[in-house]
Amino acid sequence: MHPFKLSGIAFLCFLEDDSKFQGILAATDNGLKYGIAGTIGELPSESFNECCFDGLPTFYDVTVADNSGFMMEEELVVKHVMRIGGDNCSLTCDQLQFDTKELLVGQQAESYIAKYFPERFCNQNCYVCIGDMTVDTEHRL
C-alpha cells in the first residue's frame, strides 16, 4: 500500500458499552468517503504512561476501508488506538487522530443513527461523535 494521508470530518456511532463503533470519514481533500469500524483490542505491548489516566484507557483496533478502491487496494487496520475522554472522546495513535467536536445523545442521536447508520444501531442507546479525523499511513507500525 502506498503511503497516504486522509483528513476530514468523521461521524462515529458508539454502542452504549463502548465495545465497538462504526462510522464514516467524509469531507476529505479527495472528495471520497471511507468506512471506519472499531472494536476493542488488546493493550499494546509497548508501555504507555498509566499514571496519567484514571484506570486503564481503552484501546481499539480501527479498520479504515475505501469502498471505491481509489486510494487503497485493501483495508487499513490500525491497532492500539487509545481512547480518552469518556463519551466526548478522542482517539489517538501515531497513525490516527480523532477529536470530538459535537456529541449527539438521546433522541437527537437516534434520529441521526436512523438516517446514516445500519439498522442494528437503532434503539441501542448509541451515541454519535462528530469531529476531525486524520489517518496517516506514512507512520505505519
Protein backbone atom coordinates (compact mmCIF):
# COMPACT_ATOMS: atom_id res chain seq x y z
CA MET A 1 0.00 0.00 0.00
CA HIS A 2 1.33 3.41 -0.93
CA PRO A 3 1.59 5.90 1.95
CA PHE A 4 -1.18 8.47 2.10
CA LYS A 5 -2.81 10.91 4.46
CA LEU A 6 -6.56 11.47 4.85
CA SER A 7 -8.14 14.32 6.76
CA GLY A 8 -11.81 15.09 7.11
CA ILE A 9 -14.90 15.02 9.27
CA ALA A 10 -15.71 11.68 10.94
CA PHE A 11 -19.13 10.58 12.15
CA LEU A 12 -18.74 7.75 14.68
CA CYS A 13 -21.61 5.79 16.23
CA PHE A 14 -20.58 4.09 19.51
CA LEU A 15 -22.50 1.30 21.18
CA GLU A 16 -23.51 2.24 24.72
CA ASP A 17 -20.98 -0.18 26.24
CA ASP A 18 -18.21 1.31 24.02
CA SER A 19 -17.25 -2.18 22.81
CA LYS A 20 -17.36 -1.10 19.17
CA PHE A 21 -18.16 1.75 16.84
CA GLN A 22 -18.88 2.29 13.18
CA GLY A 23 -18.56 5.43 11.15
CA ILE A 24 -17.75 7.40 8.06
CA LEU A 25 -14.81 9.66 7.26
CA ALA A 26 -16.15 12.29 4.84
CA ALA A 27 -15.30 15.76 3.54
CA THR A 28 -11.79 14.60 2.71
CA ASP A 29 -9.46 16.50 0.39
CA ASN A 30 -10.03 13.94 -2.38
CA GLY A 31 -13.84 14.10 -2.01
CA LEU A 32 -14.20 10.40 -1.17
CA LYS A 33 -15.86 8.75 1.83
CA TYR A 34 -14.25 5.99 3.87
CA GLY A 35 -15.79 3.41 6.17
CA ILE A 36 -14.49 3.33 9.74
CA ALA A 37 -15.05 0.50 12.24
CA GLY A 38 -13.53 -0.03 15.67
CA THR A 39 -13.57 -2.92 18.12
CA ILE A 40 -11.88 -3.17 21.49
CA GLY A 41 -8.39 -4.55 21.03
CA GLU A 42 -5.59 -5.70 23.27
CA LEU A 43 -3.39 -3.45 25.37
CA PRO A 44 -0.24 -2.52 23.47
CA SER A 45 2.89 -4.47 24.33
CA GLU A 46 4.91 -1.26 24.50
CA SER A 47 4.41 0.74 27.63
CA PHE A 48 2.31 3.87 27.98
CA ASN A 49 2.26 6.25 30.91
CA GLU A 50 -0.51 4.71 33.07
CA CYS A 51 -0.19 7.35 35.79
CA CYS A 52 -1.87 9.91 33.52
CA PHE A 53 -5.22 8.04 33.48
CA ASP A 54 -7.98 7.09 35.89
CA GLY A 55 -7.78 3.34 35.31
CA LEU A 56 -6.57 1.87 32.05
CA PRO A 57 -7.59 3.62 28.83
CA THR A 58 -9.49 1.66 26.20
CA PHE A 59 -7.62 0.58 23.07
CA TYR A 60 -9.35 -0.14 19.76
CA ASP A 61 -8.35 -1.84 16.55
CA VAL A 62 -9.70 0.51 13.87
CA THR A 63 -10.35 -0.52 10.27
CA VAL A 64 -10.41 2.10 7.52
CA ALA A 65 -11.97 0.94 4.23
CA ASP A 66 -12.02 2.67 0.87
CA ASN A 67 -15.07 1.19 -0.83
CA SER A 68 -14.16 2.89 -4.11
CA GLY A 69 -10.68 1.32 -4.25
CA PHE A 70 -9.31 4.70 -5.36
CA MET A 71 -6.79 5.28 -2.53
CA MET A 72 -6.37 1.81 -1.01
CA GLU A 73 -6.47 -1.64 -2.57
CA GLU A 74 -7.08 -3.22 0.83
CA GLU A 75 -8.42 -2.20 4.21
CA LEU A 76 -6.07 -0.49 6.62
CA VAL A 77 -6.16 -1.83 10.19
CA VAL A 78 -4.71 0.46 12.84
CA LYS A 79 -4.06 -1.32 16.12
CA HIS A 80 -3.76 0.13 19.62
CA VAL A 81 -5.75 3.32 19.03
CA MET A 82 -6.13 4.82 22.51
CA ARG A 83 -9.45 6.31 23.54
CA ILE A 84 -9.54 9.03 26.16
CA GLY A 85 -12.20 11.46 27.36
CA GLY A 86 -15.37 9.45 28.04
CA ASP A 87 -18.31 9.91 25.64
CA ASN A 88 -16.84 13.17 24.34
CA CYS A 89 -13.82 11.17 23.26
CA SER A 90 -10.54 11.47 21.46
CA LEU A 91 -8.86 8.60 19.61
CA THR A 92 -5.12 8.76 19.23
CA CYS A 93 -2.05 6.86 18.00
CA ASP A 94 0.76 7.57 15.52
CA GLN A 95 -1.46 6.78 12.51
CA LEU A 96 -4.88 8.06 13.58
CA GLN A 97 -6.19 11.14 15.39
CA PHE A 98 -9.84 11.99 16.16
CA ASP A 99 -11.28 14.69 18.41
CA THR A 100 -14.99 15.03 19.13
CA LYS A 101 -16.38 18.47 18.28
CA GLU A 102 -20.07 17.55 18.69
CA LEU A 103 -21.70 14.81 20.78
CA LEU A 104 -25.23 13.60 19.94
CA VAL A 105 -27.18 11.62 22.55
CA GLY A 106 -30.76 10.56 23.20
CA GLN A 107 -33.39 11.36 20.56
CA GLN A 108 -31.01 13.58 18.62
CA ALA A 109 -28.58 10.65 18.27
CA GLU A 110 -31.41 8.20 17.41
CA SER A 111 -32.63 10.40 14.55
CA TYR A 112 -29.09 10.69 13.18
CA ILE A 113 -28.43 6.95 13.56
CA ALA A 114 -31.68 6.02 11.79
CA LYS A 115 -30.70 8.20 8.85
CA TYR A 116 -26.98 7.39 8.46
CA PHE A 117 -26.13 4.08 10.17
CA PRO A 118 -27.16 0.42 9.85
CA GLU A 119 -30.45 -0.54 11.46
CA ARG A 120 -28.70 -2.68 14.10
CA PHE A 121 -27.55 0.55 15.80
CA CYS A 122 -31.10 1.90 16.18
CA ASN A 123 -32.69 1.80 19.65
CA GLN A 124 -29.45 0.53 21.23
CA ASN A 125 -28.73 3.66 23.32
CA CYS A 126 -25.88 4.53 20.99
CA TYR A 127 -24.34 7.97 20.80
CA VAL A 128 -22.67 9.78 17.91
CA CYS A 129 -19.38 11.68 17.99
CA ILE A 130 -18.65 14.10 15.16
CA GLY A 131 -15.22 15.62 14.74
CA ASP A 132 -11.96 15.99 12.87
CA MET A 133 -10.06 12.83 11.91
CA THR A 134 -6.67 12.28 10.31
CA VAL A 135 -5.35 8.95 9.09
CA ASP A 136 -1.67 8.96 8.13
CA THR A 137 -0.16 5.75 6.71
CA GLU A 138 3.30 7.27 6.49
CA HIS A 139 3.57 6.31 10.19
CA ARG A 140 2.88 2.60 9.68
CA LEU A 141 3.91 0.37 12.55
